[in-house]
Amino acid sequence: MTEDKAWHRIAVLGDSIAVHRGDPVDGFPTQTWAETLTLALAPAEYLNLGVHGALAAEIRAGQLGPALAFRPNLAILAAGANDAVRRSFSSGAVEADLVAMIAALSRAGALVVTFGCFDLSGTLGAEAAGRLRTLSELTERAVRDHGGLHINFGAHPDQRVLGADGLHINARGHAIVAATLVHSLEEPCRAGDVPRT
């Protein structure tokens, strides 16, 4: 990545995916994926607004405003998983919140990156895992409509990524997420499509 296409201001919005540290794993660094990413990309400014347990509507209400005020040129949004694991999951309502956040961040000049969760069927069961797949699909649709990137970890070949709670990724998972992000962000840089501040 050349200097004039650097990610100068990185904002992370979301739930525990954005901030949970994860269990240690021998041979892997103790940083979260977000910390490793910032070390790799060396932005001038970095803001992580993630809140454990936050629902998509809460992320929109509490984090979107501060993120827009921060003026990122790269925004990573991890939202909706806490909604999807509930039987009361309303895909339409969550999609509306995601679209609103992605559109606003994109209009403000940020490349928006979203995630699809690792396979949690062994922990949550097939029904909840199906809702998480639905979330990934609607998230991908929303972010692609606004020129962003969606990275789906659901079919990742290495699924030895969960900590003792069976829900959050461990240090191996954090390393995989960070490396995948860095690799995925190389393509927009080569294409010259990086928003600038």
Protein backbone atom coordinates (compact mmCIF):
# COMPACT_ATOMS: atom_id res chain seq x y z
CA MET A 1 0.00 0.00 0.00
CA THR A 2 1.45 3.34 -0.97
CA GLU A 3 1.48 6.22 1.47
CA ASP A 4 -1.12 8.26 -0.41
CA LYS A 5 -3.59 5.37 -0.14
CA ALA A 6 -3.12 4.71 3.57
CA TRP A 7 -6.00 4.08 5.92
CA HIS A 8 -5.51 7.27 7.92
CA ARG A 9 -8.48 7.00 10.27
CA ILE A 10 -9.93 3.63 11.27
CA ALA A 11 -13.16 3.28 13.24
CA VAL A 12 -14.55 0.03 14.63
CA LEU A 13 -18.22 -0.20 15.55
CA GLY A 14 -19.99 -3.17 17.02
CA ASP A 15 -20.62 -5.64 19.79
CA SER A 16 -18.24 -8.01 21.57
CA ILE A 17 -16.81 -9.08 18.20
CA ALA A 18 -15.15 -5.66 18.17
CA VAL A 19 -13.69 -5.77 21.67
CA HIS A 20 -13.63 -9.26 23.23
CA ARG A 21 -10.02 -10.28 23.87
CA GLY A 22 -10.45 -14.04 23.57
CA ASP A 23 -8.67 -16.92 25.27
CA PRO A 24 -4.89 -17.23 24.78
CA VAL A 25 -3.53 -19.88 22.39
CA ASP A 26 0.12 -20.95 22.34
CA GLY A 27 1.98 -19.53 19.36
CA PHE A 28 -0.46 -16.69 18.71
CA PRO A 29 -0.24 -13.03 19.81
CA THR A 30 -2.46 -11.77 22.61
CA GLN A 31 -3.78 -8.80 20.63
CA THR A 32 -7.35 -8.58 19.41
CA TRP A 33 -7.89 -8.59 15.65
CA ALA A 34 -8.50 -4.83 15.79
CA GLU A 35 -5.22 -4.20 17.63
CA THR A 36 -3.29 -6.37 15.18
CA LEU A 37 -4.94 -4.61 12.26
CA THR A 38 -3.94 -1.19 13.51
CA LEU A 39 -0.38 -2.37 14.03
CA ALA A 40 -0.32 -3.59 10.42
CA LEU A 41 -1.99 -0.55 8.84
CA ALA A 42 -0.55 2.12 11.17
CA PRO A 43 -3.39 4.65 10.92
CA ALA A 44 -2.90 8.18 12.21
CA GLU A 45 -6.04 7.79 14.33
CA TYR A 46 -7.96 4.76 15.59
CA LEU A 47 -11.28 4.60 17.41
CA ASN A 48 -12.96 1.45 18.74
CA LEU A 49 -16.53 2.05 19.88
CA GLY A 50 -17.50 -1.60 20.42
CA VAL A 51 -19.71 -2.55 23.38
CA HIS A 52 -20.20 -6.07 24.73
CA GLY A 53 -23.72 -7.36 24.19
CA ALA A 54 -24.89 -4.49 21.98
CA LEU A 55 -27.79 -5.07 19.61
CA ALA A 56 -27.80 -3.60 16.10
CA ALA A 57 -30.24 -0.83 17.08
CA GLU A 58 -28.05 0.07 20.08
CA ILE A 59 -24.96 0.26 17.90
CA ARG A 60 -26.80 2.54 15.50
CA ALA A 61 -28.09 4.75 18.33
CA GLY A 62 -24.90 4.94 20.38
CA GLN A 63 -21.96 4.45 18.04
CA LEU A 64 -22.86 5.79 14.60
CA GLY A 65 -22.82 9.45 15.62
CA PRO A 66 -19.38 9.33 17.29
CA ALA A 67 -18.04 7.31 14.36
CA LEU A 68 -19.22 9.88 11.83
CA ALA A 69 -17.77 12.69 13.95
CA PHE A 70 -14.44 10.84 13.89
CA ARG A 71 -14.44 10.98 10.04
CA PRO A 72 -12.92 7.55 9.29
CA ASN A 73 -11.83 6.51 5.84
CA LEU A 74 -12.08 2.86 6.94
CA ALA A 75 -15.01 1.73 9.10
CA ILE A 76 -15.37 -1.86 10.30
CA LEU A 77 -18.86 -2.77 11.45
CA ALA A 78 -19.61 -5.93 13.42
CA ALA A 79 -23.31 -5.80 14.25
CA GLY A 80 -26.37 -8.02 14.44
CA ALA A 81 -24.98 -11.21 15.97
CA ASN A 82 -26.61 -10.57 19.34
CA ASP A 83 -29.91 -10.07 17.53
CA ALA A 84 -29.51 -13.21 15.42
CA VAL A 85 -28.86 -15.59 18.30
CA ARG A 86 -32.28 -14.70 19.74
CA ARG A 87 -35.45 -16.46 18.66
CA SER A 88 -37.05 -13.00 18.41
CA PHE A 89 -34.63 -12.07 15.61
CA SER A 90 -36.27 -9.69 13.14
CA SER A 91 -34.16 -9.80 10.00
CA GLY A 92 -35.99 -6.81 8.50
CA ALA A 93 -35.40 -4.57 11.50
CA VAL A 94 -31.74 -5.54 11.77
CA GLU A 95 -31.23 -5.06 8.04
CA ALA A 96 -32.72 -1.56 8.28
CA ASP A 97 -30.28 -0.65 11.06
CA LEU A 98 -27.35 -2.09 9.13
CA VAL A 99 -28.30 -0.30 5.92
CA ALA A 100 -28.64 3.00 7.77
CA MET A 101 -25.19 2.65 9.36
CA ILE A 102 -23.44 1.42 6.24
CA ALA A 103 -25.01 4.11 4.05
CA ALA A 104 -24.12 6.92 6.45
CA LEU A 105 -20.52 5.79 6.87
CA SER A 106 -20.12 5.27 3.13
CA ARG A 107 -21.56 8.70 2.30
CA ALA A 108 -19.09 10.21 4.77
CA GLY A 109 -16.19 8.78 2.76
CA ALA A 110 -15.42 5.52 4.54
CA LEU A 111 -14.90 2.11 3.03
CA VAL A 112 -17.17 -0.08 5.16
CA VAL A 113 -16.12 -3.64 6.01
CA THR A 114 -18.48 -6.17 7.62
CA PHE A 115 -18.15 -9.74 8.90
CA GLY A 116 -20.00 -13.02 8.79
CA CYS A 117 -19.47 -15.07 11.97
CA PHE A 118 -17.50 -18.28 12.23
CA ASP A 119 -19.62 -21.45 12.33
CA LEU A 120 -21.31 -21.59 15.75
CA SER A 121 -23.62 -24.52 15.02
CA GLY A 122 -21.74 -26.76 17.44
CA THR A 123 -22.38 -24.30 20.25
CA LEU A 124 -25.71 -22.67 19.45
CA GLY A 125 -27.39 -25.39 17.41
CA ALA A 126 -28.63 -25.46 13.85
CA GLU A 127 -31.49 -22.99 14.28
CA ALA A 128 -29.41 -20.15 15.70
CA ALA A 129 -26.58 -20.89 13.29
CA GLY A 130 -29.09 -20.57 10.47
CA ARG A 131 -30.11 -17.14 11.71
CA LEU A 132 -26.45 -16.11 11.78
CA ARG A 133 -26.12 -17.23 8.16
CA THR A 134 -29.17 -15.13 7.29
CA LEU A 135 -27.52 -12.18 9.05
CA SER A 136 -24.35 -12.66 7.02
CA GLU A 137 -26.31 -12.76 3.78
CA LEU A 138 -28.29 -9.60 4.45
CA THR A 139 -25.19 -7.82 5.75
CA GLU A 140 -23.26 -8.74 2.62
CA ARG A 141 -26.07 -7.46 0.44
CA ALA A 142 -26.21 -4.16 2.31
CA VAL A 143 -22.49 -3.48 2.31
CA ARG A 144 -21.96 -4.49 -1.33
CA ASP A 145 -24.76 -2.12 -2.35
CA HIS A 146 -22.62 0.70 -0.92
CA GLY A 147 -19.29 -0.39 -2.38
CA GLY A 148 -17.99 -2.02 0.79
CA LEU A 149 -16.44 -5.37 1.64
CA HIS A 150 -18.00 -8.36 3.40
CA ILE A 151 -15.81 -11.10 4.81
CA ASN A 152 -17.67 -14.30 5.68
CA PHE A 153 -15.83 -16.53 8.13
CA GLY A 154 -18.65 -19.10 8.26
CA ALA A 155 -16.93 -21.47 5.86
CA HIS A 156 -13.36 -20.77 6.95
CA PRO A 157 -11.34 -24.02 6.79
CA ASP A 158 -9.82 -23.54 10.26
CA GLN A 159 -12.62 -23.64 12.81
CA ARG A 160 -10.35 -24.14 15.86
CA VAL A 161 -11.08 -20.55 16.70
CA LEU A 162 -13.51 -20.54 19.62
CA GLY A 163 -12.66 -19.92 23.25
CA ALA A 164 -13.94 -21.83 26.26
CA ASP A 165 -17.32 -20.08 26.12
CA GLY A 166 -17.95 -21.52 22.66
CA LEU A 167 -19.04 -18.12 21.35
CA HIS A 168 -16.10 -15.73 21.15
CA ILE A 169 -12.96 -16.28 19.14
CA ASN A 170 -9.67 -17.17 20.77
CA ALA A 171 -6.21 -15.81 19.92
CA ARG A 172 -6.04 -18.07 16.85
CA GLY A 173 -9.34 -16.62 15.67
CA HIS A 174 -8.17 -13.06 16.24
CA ALA A 175 -5.04 -13.75 14.17
CA ILE A 176 -7.12 -15.24 11.35
CA VAL A 177 -9.51 -12.27 11.30
CA ALA A 178 -6.68 -9.74 11.30
CA ALA A 179 -4.72 -11.50 8.54
CA THR A 180 -7.84 -11.90 6.39
CA LEU A 181 -8.70 -8.23 6.82
CA VAL A 182 -5.22 -7.06 5.85
CA HIS A 183 -5.24 -9.31 2.77
CA SER A 184 -8.75 -8.24 1.75
CA LEU A 185 -7.90 -4.56 2.03
CA GLU A 186 -5.01 -4.94 -0.41
CA GLU A 187 -7.39 -5.28 -3.36
CA PRO A 188 -9.05 -1.83 -3.02
CA CYS A 189 -5.59 -0.33 -2.56
CA ARG A 190 -4.32 -1.84 -5.80
CA ALA A 191 -7.44 -0.71 -7.60
CA GLY A 192 -7.01 2.83 -6.35
CA ASP A 193 -10.49 2.89 -4.79
CA VAL A 194 -9.48 3.91 -1.29
CA PRO A 195 -11.47 6.82 0.17
CA ARG A 196 -9.27 9.58 1.57
CA THR A 197 -9.69 12.10 4.36
